[in-house]
């Protein structure tokens, strides 16, 4: 067939290199084309190349009828978790290890690993531990400590949050999880004995300890609501010393948001998400970097959606370079994800997820387990196919295709996508009125379009008049699906 030129002069407006969520600007002032920011990325994320990628699917692991409050690993691929049931919070590990009513109902649960045991904590309640076979109390004989959280540092277990010791961090004897300072026999001679750090007169306010973290393996970071104080620890307690170059004026509201990401320590504050690291310039000063400036409004809205901010928790997935922050809201839980680029100096990219109503998670040795309002799930890779899979939803800001005031006449729409599934494309004008919608088959099914060249299969007529246009993409597929870019052809 011979084709002749149409005689229509057109200009192509392309959009690519997507940068994730951005609510720091109005939707009418975000049209950049290159490095294009988005107003909604749900159940997916923008990778470091700028592609929008559908989240990986998952399959049920255990306990489909229970709300999971906290989850950890006692071995590679072997999770242990706290689940809320009718009477309280039970601890479970497959195949049959169970401790019912380990904690009171609606308690905030945290956990850590120490001496090959998984330790569970909740404020003003007895510590619990799991040795891989059975659960047991971890109550010190004399001190009767009932901390809210803990971390291991320098072969010691550091705990805090006891309601009777709000400004004190108790540190166990070396390699012991139930002998603390008050359990020692006086006078203390051994340098491996237990000790405590009292920071009440260092913070100069009536603030309390809200979380603990560890950086550079031997530095304990003690968070209050408004600041953080750093101590360098050692198995020899006579060598404990405060890092006077490490005090920072940013704190946290929840211990469970603190996560190690390489040499950084990431944590959530009531105003945003921060990273703590040592200065590259002098190698001495510890400082914090705000990471969530692009999504300030979204972040604060999610904070307000949670009844108790201490229920907000996070984990870092080192394999995929993602920090996941969970906002439990009953059956409508939202996960906020920060995707970190391997390219030095690149800003993180943000996205959300409502898939499975996730409440918590953990990564170890290539295994990623997710707790949800409906039990424990094991997450796969983005290319794995699962029966229950997320649907990616992407929305753009208003795209002006040139002038903000002139009316445009579009002719065609081009989508660049890869994978196997379908993409529902919906177009609206600048006032939100629907213009057109259609479903595009991607990957499987292309072979059926034998009379259409492959290069044209993702091109559609798009003949409309508008000043500005917005697009919504709903991506469905059991395995890998990516949106690489799209473009609009406009008459000139």
Protein backbone atom coordinates (compact mmCIF):
# COMPACT_ATOMS: atom_id res chain seq x y z
CA UNK A 1 0.00 0.00 0.00
CA UNK A 2 1.34 3.44 -0.97
CA UNK A 3 1.06 6.15 1.71
CA UNK A 4 1.39 9.85 1.07
CA UNK A 5 2.11 12.63 3.58
CA UNK A 6 -0.97 13.94 5.36
CA UNK A 7 0.12 17.53 5.09
CA UNK A 8 -0.63 18.07 8.77
CA UNK A 9 2.16 19.72 10.69
CA UNK A 10 2.57 18.18 14.12
CA UNK A 11 4.78 18.65 17.13
CA UNK A 12 5.64 15.84 19.51
CA UNK A 13 5.52 16.42 23.29
CA UNK A 14 7.31 13.54 25.01
CA UNK A 15 7.31 12.66 28.72
CA UNK A 16 9.91 10.35 30.21
CA UNK A 17 12.53 9.85 32.94
CA UNK A 18 9.83 9.82 35.63
CA UNK A 19 10.82 11.12 39.06
CA UNK A 20 8.09 9.71 41.28
CA UNK A 21 5.68 11.62 43.52
CA UNK A 22 6.03 15.37 44.01
CA UNK A 23 3.53 17.52 45.90
CA UNK A 24 5.88 20.47 46.45
CA UNK A 25 4.35 22.24 43.44
CA UNK A 26 0.82 22.70 42.16
CA UNK A 27 -0.31 20.18 39.54
CA UNK A 28 -0.56 23.05 37.06
CA UNK A 29 3.16 23.85 37.43
CA UNK A 30 4.80 20.45 37.01
CA UNK A 31 5.00 19.98 33.23
CA UNK A 32 8.69 19.40 32.48
CA UNK A 33 8.69 16.54 29.94
CA UNK A 34 12.19 15.43 30.85
CA UNK A 35 12.54 14.26 34.45
CA UNK A 36 8.76 14.36 34.71
CA UNK A 37 7.29 14.26 38.22
CA UNK A 38 3.95 12.53 38.90
CA UNK A 39 1.00 13.14 41.22
CA UNK A 40 0.23 9.47 41.89
CA UNK A 41 2.34 6.34 41.79
CA UNK A 42 0.41 3.61 43.61
CA UNK A 43 1.53 -0.03 43.77
CA UNK A 44 4.66 0.72 41.80
CA UNK A 45 7.76 2.89 41.84
CA UNK A 46 10.09 4.86 39.57
CA UNK A 47 13.43 3.14 39.14
CA UNK A 48 16.77 4.86 38.75
CA UNK A 49 16.43 4.83 34.96
CA UNK A 50 13.15 6.75 35.15
CA UNK A 51 10.81 3.86 34.30
CA UNK A 52 7.58 3.38 36.24
CA UNK A 53 7.66 -0.24 37.42
CA UNK A 54 4.74 -2.26 38.78
CA UNK A 55 5.36 -3.59 42.30
CA UNK A 56 6.25 -7.24 42.78
CA UNK A 57 3.49 -9.65 43.70
CA UNK A 58 3.36 -11.89 46.77
CA UNK A 59 1.89 -15.16 47.97
CA UNK A 60 0.33 -16.09 51.29
CA UNK A 61 2.73 -17.56 53.84
CA UNK A 62 0.65 -17.92 57.03
CA UNK A 63 -2.22 -16.71 59.21
CA UNK A 64 -4.60 -15.15 56.65
CA UNK A 65 -7.13 -14.09 59.31
CA UNK A 66 -4.86 -12.08 61.60
CA UNK A 67 -3.41 -8.58 61.76
CA UNK A 68 0.39 -8.75 61.87
CA UNK A 69 1.93 -6.17 64.25
CA UNK A 70 5.62 -6.96 63.88
CA UNK A 71 7.79 -9.39 61.93
CA UNK A 72 11.40 -10.56 62.10
CA UNK A 73 13.62 -13.48 61.01
CA UNK A 74 15.18 -16.15 63.25
CA UNK A 75 16.88 -17.69 60.21
CA UNK A 76 17.13 -17.21 56.45
CA UNK A 77 13.59 -17.49 55.12
CA UNK A 78 12.26 -18.33 58.62
CA UNK A 79 10.00 -15.57 59.97
CA UNK A 80 8.62 -15.06 63.46
CA UNK A 81 5.88 -12.53 64.09
CA UNK A 82 3.42 -10.90 66.49
CA UNK A 83 -0.23 -11.18 65.48
CA UNK A 84 -3.26 -9.58 67.05
CA UNK A 85 -6.04 -11.99 67.90
CA UNK A 86 -9.22 -11.70 69.92
CA UNK A 87 -7.72 -11.55 73.40
CA UNK A 88 -4.33 -9.94 72.86
CA UNK A 89 -1.18 -10.26 70.79
CA UNK A 90 0.26 -13.72 70.20
CA UNK A 91 3.74 -14.66 68.98
CA UNK A 92 3.99 -17.24 66.18
CA UNK A 93 6.56 -19.14 64.16
CA UNK A 94 5.96 -22.08 61.87
CA UNK A 95 5.40 -24.93 62.13
CA UNK A 96 3.92 -24.85 65.63
CA UNK A 97 5.68 -22.44 68.00
CA UNK A 98 3.10 -20.19 69.64
CA UNK A 99 2.76 -17.99 72.71
CA UNK A 100 -0.75 -16.68 73.18
CA UNK A 101 -1.46 -13.39 74.98
CA UNK A 102 2.22 -12.49 74.99
CA UNK A 103 1.27 -8.81 74.95
CA UNK A 104 -1.88 -6.78 75.51
CA UNK A 105 -4.19 -6.05 72.61
CA UNK A 106 -3.32 -2.95 70.52
CA UNK A 107 0.20 -2.78 72.01
CA UNK A 108 3.04 -1.35 69.94
CA UNK A 109 5.49 -4.19 69.29
CA UNK A 110 9.14 -3.96 68.31
CA UNK A 111 11.80 -6.63 67.87
CA UNK A 112 15.49 -7.21 67.34
CA UNK A 113 17.94 -10.10 67.23
CA UNK A 114 20.54 -10.80 69.90
CA UNK A 115 22.48 -13.98 70.78
CA UNK A 116 20.69 -15.73 67.88
CA UNK A 117 17.40 -15.04 69.64
CA UNK A 118 14.62 -12.80 68.38
CA UNK A 119 13.67 -10.40 71.18
CA UNK A 120 10.18 -8.86 71.31
CA UNK A 121 9.38 -5.70 73.29
CA UNK A 122 6.36 -3.64 74.26
CA UNK A 123 6.17 -0.75 76.70
CA UNK A 124 5.60 -1.78 80.35
CA UNK A 125 5.36 -5.48 79.41
CA UNK A 126 7.73 -8.40 79.87
CA UNK A 127 10.32 -8.93 77.13
CA UNK A 128 9.90 -12.12 75.12
CA UNK A 129 12.45 -14.12 73.19
CA UNK A 130 12.38 -16.87 70.60
CA UNK A 131 15.34 -19.22 70.27
CA UNK A 132 14.17 -20.90 67.08
CA UNK A 133 12.20 -23.56 68.93
CA UNK A 134 10.12 -21.98 71.69
CA UNK A 135 9.12 -18.63 73.20
CA UNK A 136 10.03 -17.64 76.75
CA UNK A 137 10.09 -14.63 79.08
CA UNK A 138 13.28 -12.56 79.12
CA UNK A 139 12.64 -10.77 82.40
CA UNK A 140 15.79 -9.78 84.33
CA UNK A 141 15.90 -11.29 87.80
CA UNK A 142 16.27 -8.06 89.82
CA UNK A 143 15.73 -5.01 87.66
CA UNK A 144 12.40 -6.24 86.23
CA UNK A 145 12.98 -4.04 83.20
CA UNK A 146 10.06 -3.72 80.80
CA UNK A 147 11.47 -1.73 77.87
CA UNK A 148 9.63 -0.68 74.73
CA UNK A 149 12.48 -1.40 72.29
CA UNK A 150 16.08 -2.49 72.00
CA UNK A 151 19.06 -2.96 69.67
CA UNK A 152 22.31 -4.92 69.87
CA UNK A 153 25.57 -2.96 69.94
CA UNK A 154 29.10 -4.19 70.68
CA UNK A 155 27.95 -7.62 71.98
CA UNK A 156 25.49 -5.95 74.37
CA UNK A 157 21.72 -5.54 74.29
CA UNK A 158 20.72 -1.88 74.66
CA UNK A 159 17.11 -1.25 75.74
CA UNK A 160 14.99 1.79 76.58
CA UNK A 161 11.40 2.93 76.92
CA UNK A 162 10.72 1.56 80.42
CA UNK A 163 8.09 3.90 81.88
CA UNK A 164 10.09 4.17 85.11
CA UNK A 165 13.36 5.00 83.30
CA UNK A 166 12.24 7.38 80.54
CA UNK A 167 15.59 9.14 80.09
CA UNK A 168 17.84 6.12 80.61
CA UNK A 169 19.23 3.50 78.25
CA UNK A 170 20.01 0.20 79.99
CA UNK A 171 22.85 -1.85 78.52
CA UNK A 172 23.23 -5.52 79.28
CA UNK A 173 26.27 -7.49 80.34
CA UNK A 174 28.34 -8.71 77.38
CA UNK A 175 26.50 -11.54 75.54
CA UNK A 176 23.63 -11.54 78.04
CA UNK A 177 20.01 -10.62 77.37
CA UNK A 178 18.73 -10.66 80.96
CA UNK A 179 21.44 -9.15 83.16
CA UNK A 180 21.38 -5.36 83.37
CA UNK A 181 22.97 -2.83 85.73
CA UNK A 182 20.53 -3.36 88.60
CA UNK A 183 21.04 -7.11 88.32
CA UNK A 184 24.78 -6.85 88.92
CA UNK A 185 26.30 -7.56 92.33
CA UNK A 186 28.08 -4.56 93.82
CA UNK A 187 30.87 -3.63 93.74
CA UNK A 188 31.20 -4.09 89.97
CA UNK A 189 34.72 -5.13 88.98
CA UNK A 190 34.42 -6.81 85.58
CA UNK A 191 34.60 -4.44 82.61
CA UNK A 192 32.13 -6.67 80.76
CA UNK A 193 29.44 -5.97 83.36
CA UNK A 194 26.16 -4.24 82.57
CA UNK A 195 25.77 -0.48 82.64
CA UNK A 196 23.40 2.38 81.86
CA UNK A 197 23.43 5.75 80.09
CA UNK A 198 21.44 8.55 81.72
CA UNK A 199 20.87 11.32 79.16
CA UNK A 200 18.31 13.36 81.12
CA UNK A 201 20.77 16.16 81.91
CA UNK A 202 22.26 16.05 78.40
CA UNK A 203 19.04 16.82 76.56
CA UNK A 204 18.21 19.71 78.98
CA UNK A 205 14.45 19.17 78.54
CA UNK A 206 11.83 16.76 79.86
CA UNK A 207 11.95 14.80 76.62
CA UNK A 208 12.13 10.99 76.70
CA UNK A 209 13.97 8.30 74.75
CA UNK A 210 11.88 7.36 71.68
CA UNK A 211 14.22 5.10 69.75
CA UNK A 212 17.64 3.50 69.44
CA UNK A 213 19.82 2.95 66.40
CA UNK A 214 23.37 1.84 65.58
CA UNK A 215 25.79 3.40 63.09
CA UNK A 216 29.30 2.30 62.19
CA UNK A 217 28.74 -0.87 64.28
CA UNK A 218 29.96 0.66 67.56
CA UNK A 219 27.98 3.89 67.89
CA UNK A 220 24.66 3.88 69.70
CA UNK A 221 22.26 6.61 68.57
CA UNK A 222 19.77 7.60 71.28
CA UNK A 223 16.75 9.39 69.82
CA UNK A 224 14.33 11.63 71.69
CA UNK A 225 11.42 13.45 70.04
CA UNK A 226 13.60 16.43 69.11
CA UNK A 227 17.23 15.33 69.04
CA UNK A 228 19.70 12.46 68.94
CA UNK A 229 22.76 11.81 71.11
CA UNK A 230 25.50 9.39 70.06
CA UNK A 231 27.70 7.24 72.29
CA UNK A 232 30.62 5.12 71.21
CA UNK A 233 30.31 1.76 72.94
CA UNK A 234 32.77 -1.04 73.61
CA UNK A 235 32.59 -4.46 75.29
CA UNK A 236 34.73 -2.74 77.96
CA UNK A 237 32.34 -0.27 79.68
CA UNK A 238 35.25 1.92 80.85
CA UNK A 239 35.72 2.90 77.18
CA UNK A 240 32.19 4.19 76.65
CA UNK A 241 32.31 7.83 75.55
CA UNK A 242 29.86 10.37 74.22
CA UNK A 243 30.50 11.48 70.64
CA UNK A 244 30.47 15.26 71.08
CA UNK A 245 30.56 15.68 67.29
CA UNK A 246 27.50 13.54 66.88
CA UNK A 247 24.61 15.35 68.57
CA UNK A 248 21.91 16.33 66.05
CA UNK A 249 18.75 18.39 66.49
CA UNK A 250 16.37 15.96 64.79
CA UNK A 251 14.59 13.14 66.64
CA UNK A 252 11.97 10.50 65.96
CA UNK A 253 8.48 9.58 67.16
CA UNK A 254 8.81 5.82 66.62
CA UNK A 255 11.70 3.45 67.21
CA UNK A 256 10.27 1.14 64.57
CA UNK A 257 10.96 3.66 61.78
CA UNK A 258 14.75 3.47 62.33
CA UNK A 259 16.57 1.37 59.72
CA UNK A 260 20.17 0.92 58.60
CA UNK A 261 20.84 1.57 54.93
CA UNK A 262 24.50 0.94 54.24
CA UNK A 263 26.49 3.53 56.20
CA UNK A 264 23.36 5.66 56.70
CA UNK A 265 20.73 5.48 59.42
CA UNK A 266 17.27 6.37 58.09
CA UNK A 267 14.46 7.41 60.45
CA UNK A 268 11.13 9.22 60.45
CA UNK A 269 10.44 12.49 62.21
CA UNK A 270 7.08 14.19 62.61
CA UNK A 271 8.07 16.56 59.77
CA UNK A 272 9.75 14.15 57.39
CA UNK A 273 12.21 11.34 56.75
CA UNK A 274 15.90 11.88 57.43
CA UNK A 275 19.21 10.15 56.87
CA UNK A 276 22.04 10.34 59.40
CA UNK A 277 25.60 9.94 58.17
CA UNK A 278 29.15 11.07 58.82
CA UNK A 279 30.44 14.07 56.91
CA UNK A 280 32.49 13.28 53.80
CA UNK A 281 34.36 16.55 54.22
CA UNK A 282 35.94 16.07 57.64
CA UNK A 283 35.14 12.46 58.52
CA UNK A 284 34.21 13.54 62.04
CA UNK A 285 30.87 15.33 62.22
CA UNK A 286 27.61 13.40 62.13
CA UNK A 287 24.77 15.23 60.40
CA UNK A 288 21.26 14.64 59.05
CA UNK A 289 19.87 15.06 55.54
CA UNK A 290 16.14 15.66 54.89
CA UNK A 291 14.93 13.21 52.26
CA UNK A 292 11.19 13.81 51.91
CA UNK A 293 10.99 17.51 50.97
CA UNK A 294 9.19 16.66 47.72
CA UNK A 295 6.29 14.99 49.52
CA UNK A 296 5.82 17.14 52.64
CA UNK A 297 2.04 17.42 52.31
CA UNK A 298 1.54 13.72 51.55
CA UNK A 299 3.80 12.73 54.42
CA UNK A 300 1.98 14.87 56.99
CA UNK A 301 -1.38 13.64 55.71
CA UNK A 302 -0.27 10.04 56.24
CA UNK A 303 0.97 10.89 59.74
CA UNK A 304 -2.46 12.29 60.63
CA UNK A 305 -4.17 9.16 59.30
CA UNK A 306 -2.61 6.94 61.99
CA UNK A 307 -4.20 6.85 65.43
CA UNK A 308 -0.93 6.12 67.27
CA UNK A 309 2.22 7.33 65.49
CA UNK A 310 4.31 4.75 67.36
CA UNK A 311 2.59 2.10 65.20
CA UNK A 312 4.34 3.55 62.15
CA UNK A 313 7.24 1.29 61.25
CA UNK A 314 9.72 0.66 58.46
CA UNK A 315 12.39 -1.60 57.00
CA UNK A 316 15.11 -1.19 54.41
CA UNK A 317 15.37 -3.55 51.43
CA UNK A 318 19.06 -3.49 50.52
CA UNK A 319 18.63 -5.68 47.43
CA UNK A 320 16.33 -3.16 45.76
CA UNK A 321 17.53 0.01 47.49
CA UNK A 322 14.14 0.84 48.99
CA UNK A 323 13.04 2.18 52.38
CA UNK A 324 9.44 1.14 53.10
CA UNK A 325 7.44 3.07 55.71
CA UNK A 326 4.10 1.60 56.84
CA UNK A 327 1.13 3.65 58.09
CA UNK A 328 -1.33 1.18 59.69
CA UNK A 329 -4.93 2.41 59.26
CA UNK A 330 -6.89 -0.74 60.02
CA UNK A 331 -7.92 -2.34 56.75
CA UNK A 332 -6.78 0.67 54.68
CA UNK A 333 -3.07 0.62 55.40
CA UNK A 334 -0.75 2.71 53.20
CA UNK A 335 2.91 2.03 52.49
CA UNK A 336 5.21 4.90 51.53
CA UNK A 337 8.32 3.84 49.61
CA UNK A 338 11.55 5.72 48.99
CA UNK A 339 13.59 4.30 46.10
CA UNK A 340 17.27 5.17 46.32
CA UNK A 341 19.30 5.51 43.13
CA UNK A 342 22.71 3.81 42.80
CA UNK A 343 23.85 6.96 40.97
CA UNK A 344 25.69 9.27 43.36
CA UNK A 345 23.90 12.54 44.08
CA UNK A 346 20.53 11.48 42.65
CA UNK A 347 17.43 12.38 44.68
CA UNK A 348 15.24 9.57 46.05
CA UNK A 349 11.95 8.82 44.30
CA UNK A 350 8.69 8.35 46.17
CA UNK A 351 5.66 6.13 45.67
CA UNK A 352 2.81 4.57 47.66
CA UNK A 353 1.10 1.21 47.88
CA UNK A 354 -2.20 -0.10 49.21
CA UNK A 355 -1.54 -3.65 47.98
CA UNK A 356 -2.39 -6.29 50.63
CA UNK A 357 -2.86 -3.59 53.34
CA UNK A 358 0.75 -4.08 54.43
CA UNK A 359 1.55 -3.24 58.07
CA UNK A 360 5.22 -4.24 58.45
CA UNK A 361 8.04 -6.07 56.72
CA UNK A 362 11.57 -7.43 56.92
CA UNK A 363 14.38 -8.37 54.54
CA UNK A 364 17.11 -10.95 55.11
CA UNK A 365 19.28 -12.96 52.75
CA UNK A 366 17.17 -12.24 49.68
CA UNK A 367 13.88 -13.07 51.41
CA UNK A 368 11.31 -10.33 51.92
CA UNK A 369 8.40 -11.03 54.23
CA UNK A 370 5.45 -8.68 54.60
CA UNK A 371 2.98 -8.47 57.46
CA UNK A 372 -0.51 -7.30 56.60
CA UNK A 373 -4.05 -6.98 57.87
CA UNK A 374 -4.50 -10.47 56.43
CA UNK A 375 -1.50 -12.47 57.60
CA UNK A 376 2.11 -12.98 56.48
CA UNK A 377 3.16 -12.85 52.83
CA UNK A 378 6.40 -13.62 51.00
CA UNK A 379 7.20 -11.09 48.28
CA UNK A 380 8.67 -12.12 44.95
CA UNK A 381 10.67 -10.27 42.31
CA UNK A 382 9.07 -7.86 39.86
CA UNK A 383 9.19 -10.46 37.07
CA UNK A 384 7.59 -13.27 39.11
CA UNK A 385 3.96 -14.15 38.36
CA UNK A 386 1.50 -14.52 41.22
CA UNK A 387 -2.24 -15.13 41.30
CA UNK A 388 -2.70 -12.13 43.59
CA UNK A 389 -0.84 -9.21 42.09
CA UNK A 390 -0.97 -5.42 42.45
CA UNK A 391 -2.47 -3.04 39.90
CA UNK A 392 -0.22 -0.07 39.22
CA UNK A 393 -1.95 3.33 39.02
CA UNK A 394 -0.06 6.36 37.69
CA UNK A 395 -1.41 9.90 37.33
CA UNK A 396 0.26 12.86 35.71
CA UNK A 397 -0.05 16.56 36.54
CA UNK A 398 -1.60 18.93 33.99
CA UNK A 399 0.46 18.78 30.82
CA UNK A 400 0.16 21.97 28.80
CA UNK A 401 1.82 20.86 25.53
CA UNK A 402 3.27 24.34 25.14
CA UNK A 403 1.37 27.50 26.10
CA UNK A 404 -0.70 27.63 29.29
CA UNK A 405 -3.41 29.73 27.64
CA UNK A 406 -3.72 28.51 24.04
CA UNK A 407 -6.10 25.77 22.98
CA UNK A 408 -4.36 22.75 21.41
CA UNK A 409 -5.56 20.22 18.86
CA UNK A 410 -4.05 16.81 19.50
CA UNK A 411 -3.90 14.08 16.88
CA UNK A 412 -2.17 11.00 18.30
CA UNK A 413 -1.01 9.44 21.55
CA UNK A 414 2.03 7.17 21.80
CA UNK A 415 2.77 4.85 24.72
CA UNK A 416 6.10 3.15 25.34
CA UNK A 417 5.69 0.18 27.70
CA UNK A 418 7.16 -3.26 28.21
CA UNK A 419 6.12 -6.46 29.94
CA UNK A 420 3.00 -8.59 29.67
CA UNK A 421 -0.41 -7.25 30.58
CA UNK A 422 -2.77 -4.38 29.86
CA UNK A 423 -2.69 -0.62 30.31
CA UNK A 424 -5.94 1.33 30.71
CA UNK A 425 -5.25 4.90 29.53
CA UNK A 426 -7.65 7.64 30.64
CA UNK A 427 -7.32 11.26 29.50
CA UNK A 428 -8.89 14.32 31.16
CA UNK A 429 -8.68 18.00 30.31
CA UNK A 430 -7.38 20.69 32.66
CA UNK A 431 -10.79 20.83 34.41
CA UNK A 432 -10.88 17.07 35.01
CA UNK A 433 -13.48 16.33 32.34
CA UNK A 434 -13.02 12.99 30.56
CA UNK A 435 -11.71 13.14 27.00
CA UNK A 436 -11.01 9.53 26.03
CA UNK A 437 -10.10 6.13 27.44
CA UNK A 438 -8.89 2.88 25.94
CA UNK A 439 -7.15 -0.35 26.94
CA UNK A 440 -3.80 -1.19 25.44
CA UNK A 441 -2.51 -4.76 25.32
CA UNK A 442 1.23 -4.98 26.06
CA UNK A 443 3.46 -7.97 25.33
CA UNK A 444 1.23 -11.04 25.13
CA UNK A 445 -1.40 -10.41 22.51
CA UNK A 446 0.79 -8.27 20.24
CA UNK A 447 1.21 -11.28 17.94
CA UNK A 448 -2.52 -11.19 17.23
CA UNK A 449 -2.21 -7.76 15.66
CA UNK A 450 -0.62 -9.20 12.55
CA UNK A 451 -1.73 -6.41 10.20
CA UNK A 452 -0.29 -3.61 12.36
CA UNK A 453 3.44 -2.92 12.44
CA UNK A 454 4.94 -3.45 15.87
CA UNK A 455 6.10 0.18 16.00
CA UNK A 456 2.48 1.34 15.68
CA UNK A 457 0.76 -1.00 18.10
CA UNK A 458 1.05 1.41 21.02
CA UNK A 459 -0.11 4.42 19.01
CA UNK A 460 -3.73 5.59 19.10
CA UNK A 461 -5.79 8.36 17.60
CA UNK A 462 -6.18 11.13 20.13
CA UNK A 463 -8.15 13.93 18.47
CA UNK A 464 -9.20 16.49 21.05
CA UNK A 465 -9.18 20.19 21.86
CA UNK A 466 -7.93 21.31 25.25
CA UNK A 467 -5.67 23.78 27.02
CA UNK A 468 -4.14 21.16 29.31
CA UNK A 469 -4.41 17.39 29.58
CA UNK A 470 -3.87 14.82 32.34
CA UNK A 471 -3.45 11.08 32.02
CA UNK A 472 -4.17 8.15 34.32
CA UNK A 473 -2.59 4.76 33.60
CA UNK A 474 -3.93 1.61 35.25
CA UNK A 475 -1.48 -1.23 34.63
CA UNK A 476 -2.54 -4.86 35.10
CA UNK A 477 -0.37 -7.93 34.73
CA UNK A 478 0.89 -10.90 36.71
CA UNK A 479 4.56 -10.31 36.03
CA UNK A 480 6.87 -7.56 34.85
CA UNK A 481 5.23 -4.36 33.60
CA UNK A 482 6.91 -1.00 32.98
CA UNK A 483 5.87 2.35 31.56
CA UNK A 484 8.93 3.82 29.90
CA UNK A 485 7.39 6.98 28.46
CA UNK A 486 4.55 8.47 26.45
CA UNK A 487 4.01 11.29 23.98
CA UNK A 488 1.24 13.46 22.51
CA UNK A 489 1.23 14.74 18.92
CA UNK A 490 -0.27 18.22 18.57
CA UNK A 491 -1.13 20.25 15.46
CA UNK A 492 1.07 23.30 14.97
